[in-house]
Amino acid sequence: MDDRELLELAAKAAGYDLHIWGRTGAEDVAIIPSGRRWNPLTDDGDAMRLAVKLHIPISFPFKSDDLQTRGNTVVTWSENEPHEEEEGDNCFAAARRAIVRAAAEIGRAM
């Protein structure tokens, strides 16, 4: 599943109707009905709002004094079934992607 499909399914789960797509640099941009850009794959705030709205629990299965150098995140979306996401040294990007993947699974099931 590509990033656009992930975003479309995540938006569906959140009750957003994406109506404009564009591209800024290498980043896909979606516009939600409020008229603001929405991309929880690249924006921490969008990802956190998505997780809260959908009650997606987030856990980090490692302990480190320097969390920014670790890239393993688990998001549990239902029935305690985890989505693990590794994204190099960027745990923030890994967390965003795991949240969107969990939301996309919720959207696909709708």
Protein backbone atom coordinates (compact mmCIF):
# COMPACT_ATOMS: atom_id res chain seq x y z
CA MET A 1 0.00 0.00 0.00
CA ASP A 2 1.50 3.37 -0.96
CA ASP A 3 1.47 6.50 1.19
CA ARG A 4 -1.48 8.06 -0.60
CA GLU A 5 -3.65 5.00 -0.01
CA LEU A 6 -2.55 4.91 3.64
CA LEU A 7 -3.57 8.55 4.02
CA GLU A 8 -6.90 8.05 2.27
CA LEU A 9 -7.82 5.09 4.50
CA ALA A 10 -6.63 6.90 7.64
CA ALA A 11 -8.73 9.92 6.68
CA LYS A 12 -11.74 7.67 6.16
CA ALA A 13 -11.27 6.21 9.65
CA ALA A 14 -11.08 9.72 11.12
CA GLY A 15 -14.18 10.86 9.22
CA TYR A 16 -12.28 13.29 6.98
CA ASP A 17 -13.20 13.74 3.35
CA LEU A 18 -9.97 14.51 1.51
CA HIS A 19 -10.77 16.67 -1.48
CA ILE A 20 -7.55 18.16 -2.81
CA TRP A 21 -4.26 16.40 -3.39
CA GLY A 22 -0.99 17.99 -4.26
CA ARG A 23 2.70 17.56 -3.85
CA THR A 24 5.19 19.83 -2.12
CA GLY A 25 8.67 18.62 -2.81
CA ALA A 26 8.67 14.92 -2.01
CA GLU A 27 5.69 15.18 0.30
CA ASP A 28 2.06 14.36 -0.51
CA VAL A 29 -0.36 16.96 0.77
CA ALA A 30 -4.03 16.42 1.42
CA ILE A 31 -6.55 19.14 2.21
CA ILE A 32 -9.34 18.30 4.63
CA PRO A 33 -12.73 20.07 4.59
CA SER A 34 -11.58 22.70 7.11
CA GLY A 35 -9.19 23.86 4.38
CA ARG A 36 -5.98 22.99 6.15
CA ARG A 37 -3.21 20.68 5.02
CA TRP A 38 -3.29 17.24 6.57
CA ASN A 39 -0.52 14.66 6.46
CA PRO A 40 0.02 12.60 9.60
CA LEU A 41 2.93 10.83 7.89
CA THR A 42 4.97 14.02 8.07
CA ASP A 43 3.29 16.15 10.74
CA ASP A 44 3.57 15.15 14.42
CA GLY A 45 0.45 17.14 15.38
CA ASP A 46 -1.70 15.53 12.68
CA ALA A 47 -0.46 12.09 13.73
CA MET A 48 -1.17 12.72 17.43
CA ARG A 49 -4.66 14.08 16.71
CA LEU A 50 -5.35 10.99 14.56
CA ALA A 51 -4.18 8.63 17.32
CA VAL A 52 -6.29 10.41 19.94
CA LYS A 53 -9.38 10.62 17.71
CA LEU A 54 -9.21 6.88 16.94
CA HIS A 55 -8.05 5.83 20.44
CA ILE A 56 -4.93 4.19 19.03
CA PRO A 57 -2.64 3.08 21.87
CA ILE A 58 1.07 3.65 21.25
CA SER A 59 3.86 1.76 22.94
CA PHE A 60 7.62 1.85 22.56
CA PRO A 61 9.15 -1.60 23.14
CA PHE A 62 12.61 -0.36 24.04
CA LYS A 63 14.22 1.66 26.75
CA SER A 64 16.87 4.17 25.88
CA ASP A 65 18.23 7.39 27.32
CA ASP A 66 18.38 8.78 23.79
CA LEU A 67 15.01 8.03 22.19
CA GLN A 68 15.85 10.03 19.07
CA THR A 69 18.41 7.44 18.02
CA ARG A 70 15.99 4.53 18.16
CA GLY A 71 13.50 3.69 15.43
CA ASN A 72 11.22 0.94 16.67
CA THR A 73 7.60 1.79 17.46
CA VAL A 74 4.58 -0.41 18.06
CA VAL A 75 1.00 0.76 17.65
CA THR A 76 -1.77 -1.57 18.77
CA TRP A 77 -4.97 -1.05 16.83
CA SER A 78 -7.30 -3.88 17.83
CA GLU A 79 -7.32 -7.24 19.55
CA ASN A 80 -3.82 -6.44 20.84
CA GLU A 81 -2.47 -6.98 17.34
CA PRO A 82 0.59 -4.75 16.92
CA HIS A 83 1.92 -2.86 13.95
CA GLU A 84 5.68 -2.57 14.21
CA GLU A 85 7.40 0.14 12.26
CA GLU A 86 11.13 0.70 11.96
CA GLU A 87 12.42 3.79 10.26
CA GLY A 88 16.15 4.08 10.77
CA ASP A 89 17.18 6.51 13.45
CA ASN A 90 14.00 8.57 13.44
CA CYS A 91 11.60 7.29 16.09
CA PHE A 92 9.24 10.23 15.40
CA ALA A 93 8.81 9.24 11.75
CA ALA A 94 8.37 5.61 12.79
CA ALA A 95 5.66 6.58 15.30
CA ARG A 96 3.81 8.69 12.71
CA ARG A 97 3.90 5.88 10.15
CA ALA A 98 2.75 3.29 12.70
CA ILE A 99 -0.19 5.53 13.70
CA VAL A 100 -1.20 6.02 10.06
CA ARG A 101 -0.91 2.29 9.35
CA ALA A 102 -3.12 1.51 12.34
CA ALA A 103 -5.65 4.15 11.24
CA ALA A 104 -5.60 2.79 7.67
CA GLU A 105 -6.47 -0.68 8.97
CA ILE A 106 -9.40 0.82 10.86
CA GLY A 107 -10.48 2.67 7.69
CA ARG A 108 -10.17 -0.48 5.58
CA ALA A 109 -12.43 -2.36 8.00
CA MET A 110 -15.17 0.29 7.77
